[in-house]
Amino acid sequence: MSDRITVEELAELMKKAAGITVAPEELQQRQESGFDAFGLDSLGLLGIVGELENRYGTPMPPDAEKSKSPRQFLELVNSALLAGA
């Protein structure tokens, strides 16, 4: 387990927490697209945030669950993980 969430891990979390399958390559290419373009709603994003909090044992930024795109989400979460490391 690293101190940064990768696009591959985000794709895995989307499948595990929200049941949405997206290829990591597609997430990488479409990082600016809204989560809604992938079929992920706010409840699914909340599930991902909860999974990360359990995995890392640390609270995620409050704005993480309001992220609009994969890029925004990864930047927020990775900043919090680096600050807590």
Protein backbone atom coordinates (compact mmCIF):
# COMPACT_ATOMS: atom_id res chain seq x y z
CA MET A 1 0.00 0.00 0.00
CA SER A 2 1.47 3.31 -1.07
CA ASP A 3 0.82 6.79 0.23
CA ARG A 4 -0.73 7.83 -3.08
CA ILE A 5 -3.90 6.61 -4.77
CA THR A 6 -3.32 5.73 -8.42
CA VAL A 7 -5.80 5.75 -11.27
CA GLU A 8 -5.72 1.94 -11.14
CA GLU A 9 -6.67 1.97 -7.45
CA LEU A 10 -9.46 4.46 -8.11
CA ALA A 11 -10.85 2.17 -10.82
CA GLU A 12 -10.70 -0.76 -8.37
CA LEU A 13 -12.45 1.32 -5.69
CA MET A 14 -15.17 2.38 -8.13
CA LYS A 15 -15.89 -1.29 -8.80
CA LYS A 16 -15.72 -2.36 -5.15
CA ALA A 17 -17.62 0.52 -3.53
CA ALA A 18 -20.04 1.46 -6.29
CA GLY A 19 -20.20 -1.52 -8.64
CA ILE A 20 -18.98 0.55 -11.59
CA THR A 21 -16.41 -1.01 -13.88
CA VAL A 22 -14.14 1.44 -15.67
CA ALA A 23 -10.82 0.54 -17.25
CA PRO A 24 -7.91 2.39 -15.61
CA GLU A 25 -6.81 3.51 -19.09
CA GLU A 26 -10.17 5.16 -19.68
CA LEU A 27 -10.01 6.91 -16.30
CA GLN A 28 -6.51 8.11 -17.14
CA GLN A 29 -7.59 9.48 -20.52
CA ARG A 30 -10.76 11.10 -19.18
CA GLN A 31 -9.54 12.46 -15.82
CA GLU A 32 -11.26 15.79 -16.47
CA SER A 33 -14.62 14.17 -17.18
CA GLY A 34 -17.22 14.34 -14.45
CA PHE A 35 -17.77 11.24 -12.36
CA ASP A 36 -21.34 11.25 -13.67
CA ALA A 37 -19.93 10.47 -17.15
CA PHE A 38 -18.73 7.15 -15.68
CA GLY A 39 -22.06 6.52 -13.93
CA LEU A 40 -20.73 7.32 -10.46
CA ASP A 41 -23.05 9.37 -8.25
CA SER A 42 -22.40 11.12 -4.94
CA LEU A 43 -23.41 8.04 -2.96
CA GLY A 44 -20.87 5.94 -4.84
CA LEU A 45 -18.19 8.55 -4.23
CA LEU A 46 -19.08 8.57 -0.55
CA GLY A 47 -18.56 4.80 -0.52
CA ILE A 48 -15.11 5.24 -2.07
CA VAL A 49 -14.20 7.87 0.54
CA GLY A 50 -15.34 5.52 3.32
CA GLU A 51 -13.30 2.67 1.86
CA LEU A 52 -10.19 4.87 1.75
CA GLU A 53 -10.73 6.03 5.34
CA ASN A 54 -10.93 2.41 6.46
CA ARG A 55 -7.92 1.41 4.39
CA TYR A 56 -5.66 4.23 5.56
CA GLY A 57 -7.11 4.78 9.03
CA THR A 58 -7.34 8.50 8.47
CA PRO A 59 -10.16 10.86 7.57
CA MET A 60 -10.29 12.08 4.00
CA PRO A 61 -10.81 15.78 3.20
CA PRO A 62 -14.47 16.80 3.54
CA ASP A 63 -14.49 18.02 -0.06
CA ALA A 64 -13.36 14.62 -1.41
CA GLU A 65 -16.92 13.33 -1.62
CA LYS A 66 -17.92 16.44 -3.58
CA SER A 67 -15.20 16.05 -6.22
CA LYS A 68 -16.48 16.45 -9.74
CA SER A 69 -13.74 14.59 -11.64
CA PRO A 70 -11.23 11.80 -11.10
CA ARG A 71 -8.36 14.31 -11.33
CA GLN A 72 -9.88 16.56 -8.64
CA PHE A 73 -10.56 13.57 -6.40
CA LEU A 74 -7.05 12.13 -6.75
CA GLU A 75 -5.43 15.51 -6.10
CA LEU A 76 -7.46 16.08 -2.92
CA VAL A 77 -7.02 12.57 -1.53
CA ASN A 78 -3.32 12.32 -2.38
CA SER A 79 -2.63 15.72 -0.82
CA ALA A 80 -4.32 14.56 2.39
CA LEU A 81 -2.41 11.26 2.41
CA LEU A 82 0.93 13.00 1.83
CA ALA A 83 0.21 15.53 4.58
CA GLY A 84 -0.64 12.72 6.99
CA ALA A 85 2.38 10.59 6.09
